[in-house]
Structures are given as structure tokens and as C-alpha cells.
Amino acid sequence: MSDNNFNQLCVWPGTILSDSTIEDFTNFFKNEFDVRIKFAEEVITNGSIERNEEGGRNDLLFYIHDDDVAKFAVKRLSAGIRWWEDVVSYNDGAYLYSQEILDKYSVN
């Protein structure tokens, strides 16, 4: 399976890997949602004085396989999983992430 087939970046806010491995995380998505994912990383959000937000929330970033995007689009909502571009571009959430993360996962 080629890594080139993973293009849709997802955000699972308020979620940590904890003692789980990346393999456990990948298997969870296969078993629960019947989709293939590629783990990207766990990030900690920034706060905002203007928005009275503390920051420090852990978010998991992962890619969904291109062939699984359509069947995951609705299923993801019940778990609070969001598309990256929705968070940072359309819903004013870019302030949550460091410039390094925004550059690394730029929205075209």
C-alpha cells in the first residue's frame, strides 16, 4: 500500500495515544470504521488570550486512505474527527497550532 494514497489529513481533537502504539491506533480505525489510516503525529494546541482559551489540548493528526474518504466522511462525525482544512481554513482554528505545524501540513 503506497503512502501516496493517503492525502486527506484528519484531526481528532482532545485525543492522546497514551500507552497505545501507532499499530493499535491504525487497527482501531480498521476495526471500528473499516478504513485505512496513516498516523501523522500528536500535537499540543496553543492557547489564546483573546478567546480566553488555555491551550494544551492534545490532538491526533492522521491521514485517511483516498479510497476510504467517502465512507469515512459521515462516520467520523460521531467521534468528533474533523478534516484538517475545515479546522484551520474554514472554521478559524489555525491559531490552535504552531506555525511549524501549519507549515508542515499546509492547506493548498
C-alpha atoms as a PDB file:
ATOM      1  CA  MET A   1       0.000   0.000   0.000  1.00  0.00           C
ATOM      2  CA  SER A   2       1.557   3.250  -1.125  1.00  0.00           C
ATOM      3  CA  ASP A   3       1.834   6.257   1.187  1.00  0.00           C
ATOM      4  CA  ASN A   4       0.835   8.349  -1.844  1.00  0.00           C
ATOM      5  CA  ASN A   5      -2.736   7.117  -1.355  1.00  0.00           C
ATOM      6  CA  PHE A   6      -3.141   8.960   1.962  1.00  0.00           C
ATOM      7  CA  ASN A   7      -3.984  12.586   1.237  1.00  0.00           C
ATOM      8  CA  GLN A   8      -6.865  13.643   3.483  1.00  0.00           C
ATOM      9  CA  LEU A   9      -5.499  14.873   6.814  1.00  0.00           C
ATOM     10  CA  CYS A  10      -7.800  14.455   9.800  1.00  0.00           C
ATOM     11  CA  VAL A  11      -7.780  15.926  13.308  1.00  0.00           C
ATOM     12  CA  TRP A  12      -9.082  14.081  16.329  1.00  0.00           C
ATOM     13  CA  PRO A  13      -9.270  16.836  18.955  1.00  0.00           C
ATOM     14  CA  GLY A  14      -8.680  16.063  22.588  1.00  0.00           C
ATOM     15  CA  THR A  15      -7.266  12.609  21.939  1.00  0.00           C
ATOM     16  CA  ILE A  16      -3.965  11.064  23.002  1.00  0.00           C
ATOM     17  CA  LEU A  17      -2.185   7.862  22.093  1.00  0.00           C
ATOM     18  CA  SER A  18      -1.248   7.252  25.732  1.00  0.00           C
ATOM     19  CA  ASP A  19       0.020   3.678  26.020  1.00  0.00           C
ATOM     20  CA  SER A  20      -1.352   2.700  22.604  1.00  0.00           C
ATOM     21  CA  THR A  21       1.036   2.112  19.755  1.00  0.00           C
ATOM     22  CA  ILE A  22       0.618   3.510  16.267  1.00  0.00           C
ATOM     23  CA  GLU A  23      -0.248  -0.030  15.201  1.00  0.00           C
ATOM     24  CA  ASP A  24      -3.001  -0.138  17.865  1.00  0.00           C
ATOM     25  CA  PHE A  25      -4.309   3.195  16.599  1.00  0.00           C
ATOM     26  CA  THR A  26      -4.292   2.009  12.989  1.00  0.00           C
ATOM     27  CA  ASN A  27      -6.044  -1.232  13.926  1.00  0.00           C
ATOM     28  CA  PHE A  28      -8.683   0.687  15.889  1.00  0.00           C
ATOM     29  CA  PHE A  29      -9.713   2.548  12.724  1.00  0.00           C
ATOM     30  CA  LYS A  30      -9.774  -0.650  10.688  1.00  0.00           C
ATOM     31  CA  ASN A  31     -11.943  -2.409  13.275  1.00  0.00           C
ATOM     32  CA  GLU A  32     -14.248   0.482  14.244  1.00  0.00           C
ATOM     33  CA  PHE A  33     -14.638   2.334  10.951  1.00  0.00           C
ATOM     34  CA  ASP A  34     -13.395  -0.161   8.335  1.00  0.00           C
ATOM     35  CA  VAL A  35     -10.910   2.407   6.988  1.00  0.00           C
ATOM     36  CA  ARG A  36      -7.155   2.574   6.487  1.00  0.00           C
ATOM     37  CA  ILE A  37      -5.228   5.369   8.127  1.00  0.00           C
ATOM     38  CA  LYS A  38      -1.657   6.561   8.379  1.00  0.00           C
ATOM     39  CA  PHE A  39      -0.710   8.190  11.678  1.00  0.00           C
ATOM     40  CA  ALA A  40       0.913  11.628  11.308  1.00  0.00           C
ATOM     41  CA  GLU A  41       1.549  12.905  14.841  1.00  0.00           C
ATOM     42  CA  GLU A  42       0.206  14.039  18.174  1.00  0.00           C
ATOM     43  CA  VAL A  43       0.255  17.802  18.701  1.00  0.00           C
ATOM     44  CA  ILE A  44      -0.486  20.109  21.615  1.00  0.00           C
ATOM     45  CA  THR A  45      -2.646  23.128  20.867  1.00  0.00           C
ATOM     46  CA  ASN A  46      -1.854  26.749  21.589  1.00  0.00           C
ATOM     47  CA  GLY A  47      -3.976  28.911  23.810  1.00  0.00           C
ATOM     48  CA  SER A  48      -5.493  32.275  23.008  1.00  0.00           C
ATOM     49  CA  ILE A  49      -5.793  35.202  25.390  1.00  0.00           C
ATOM     50  CA  GLU A  50      -8.305  36.889  23.083  1.00  0.00           C
ATOM     51  CA  ARG A  51     -10.504  33.785  23.091  1.00  0.00           C
ATOM     52  CA  ASN A  52      -9.915  33.000  26.759  1.00  0.00           C
ATOM     53  CA  GLU A  53      -8.570  29.537  25.893  1.00  0.00           C
ATOM     54  CA  GLU A  54      -5.782  27.880  27.826  1.00  0.00           C
ATOM     55  CA  GLY A  55      -4.432  25.596  25.116  1.00  0.00           C
ATOM     56  CA  GLY A  56      -2.526  22.446  25.943  1.00  0.00           C
ATOM     57  CA  ARG A  57      -5.065  20.096  24.384  1.00  0.00           C
ATOM     58  CA  ASN A  58      -3.673  17.014  22.656  1.00  0.00           C
ATOM     59  CA  ASP A  59      -4.886  16.417  19.099  1.00  0.00           C
ATOM     60  CA  LEU A  60      -4.060  13.438  16.923  1.00  0.00           C
ATOM     61  CA  LEU A  61      -3.359  14.013  13.236  1.00  0.00           C
ATOM     62  CA  PHE A  62      -3.686  11.188  10.752  1.00  0.00           C
ATOM     63  CA  TYR A  63      -4.333  10.603   7.075  1.00  0.00           C
ATOM     64  CA  ILE A  64      -7.220   8.582   5.681  1.00  0.00           C
ATOM     65  CA  HIS A  65      -6.712   6.428   2.606  1.00  0.00           C
ATOM     66  CA  ASP A  66      -8.083   8.074  -0.556  1.00  0.00           C
ATOM     67  CA  ASP A  67     -10.392   5.131  -1.278  1.00  0.00           C
ATOM     68  CA  ASP A  68     -11.881   5.323   2.234  1.00  0.00           C
ATOM     69  CA  VAL A  69     -12.627   9.057   2.437  1.00  0.00           C
ATOM     70  CA  ALA A  70     -16.214   8.802   1.167  1.00  0.00           C
ATOM     71  CA  LYS A  71     -17.258   6.068   3.592  1.00  0.00           C
ATOM     72  CA  PHE A  72     -15.475   7.802   6.496  1.00  0.00           C
ATOM     73  CA  ALA A  73     -16.938  11.258   5.825  1.00  0.00           C
ATOM     74  CA  VAL A  74     -20.094  10.698   7.875  1.00  0.00           C
ATOM     75  CA  LYS A  75     -18.802   8.015  10.264  1.00  0.00           C
ATOM     76  CA  ARG A  76     -16.089  10.334  11.594  1.00  0.00           C
ATOM     77  CA  LEU A  77     -18.570  12.907  12.838  1.00  0.00           C
ATOM     78  CA  SER A  78     -19.811  10.746  15.724  1.00  0.00           C
ATOM     79  CA  ALA A  79     -16.231  10.585  17.055  1.00  0.00           C
ATOM     80  CA  GLY A  80     -15.603  14.326  16.621  1.00  0.00           C
ATOM     81  CA  ILE A  81     -12.971  13.789  13.916  1.00  0.00           C
ATOM     82  CA  ARG A  82     -12.575  16.727  11.565  1.00  0.00           C
ATOM     83  CA  TRP A  83     -10.896  17.416   8.235  1.00  0.00           C
ATOM     84  CA  TRP A  84      -7.716  19.450   8.703  1.00  0.00           C
ATOM     85  CA  GLU A  85      -8.703  22.102   6.165  1.00  0.00           C
ATOM     86  CA  ASP A  86     -12.044  22.612   7.908  1.00  0.00           C
ATOM     87  CA  VAL A  87     -10.301  23.283  11.202  1.00  0.00           C
ATOM     88  CA  VAL A  88      -7.560  25.620  10.004  1.00  0.00           C
ATOM     89  CA  SER A  89      -9.076  27.295   6.949  1.00  0.00           C
ATOM     90  CA  TYR A  90     -12.832  27.373   7.253  1.00  0.00           C
ATOM     91  CA  ASN A  91     -13.520  27.372  10.996  1.00  0.00           C
ATOM     92  CA  ASP A  92     -10.890  29.832  12.221  1.00  0.00           C
ATOM     93  CA  GLY A  93      -8.876  27.214  14.095  1.00  0.00           C
ATOM     94  CA  ALA A  94      -5.402  27.914  12.731  1.00  0.00           C
ATOM     95  CA  TYR A  95      -4.488  29.817  15.919  1.00  0.00           C
ATOM     96  CA  LEU A  96      -4.618  26.495  17.781  1.00  0.00           C
ATOM     97  CA  TYR A  97      -1.494  25.190  16.051  1.00  0.00           C
ATOM     98  CA  SER A  98       2.116  26.316  15.928  1.00  0.00           C
ATOM     99  CA  GLN A  99       3.442  27.856  12.744  1.00  0.00           C
ATOM    100  CA  GLU A 100       5.659  24.797  12.367  1.00  0.00           C
ATOM    101  CA  ILE A 101       2.589  22.517  12.261  1.00  0.00           C
ATOM    102  CA  LEU A 102       0.708  24.864   9.914  1.00  0.00           C
ATOM    103  CA  ASP A 103       3.715  24.894   7.561  1.00  0.00           C
ATOM    104  CA  LYS A 104       4.201  21.131   7.777  1.00  0.00           C
ATOM    105  CA  TYR A 105       0.541  20.423   6.955  1.00  0.00           C
ATOM    106  CA  SER A 106      -0.223  23.370   4.709  1.00  0.00           C
ATOM    107  CA  VAL A 107      -3.619  23.599   3.089  1.00  0.00           C
ATOM    108  CA  ASN A 108      -3.265  24.171  -0.648  1.00  0.00           C
END
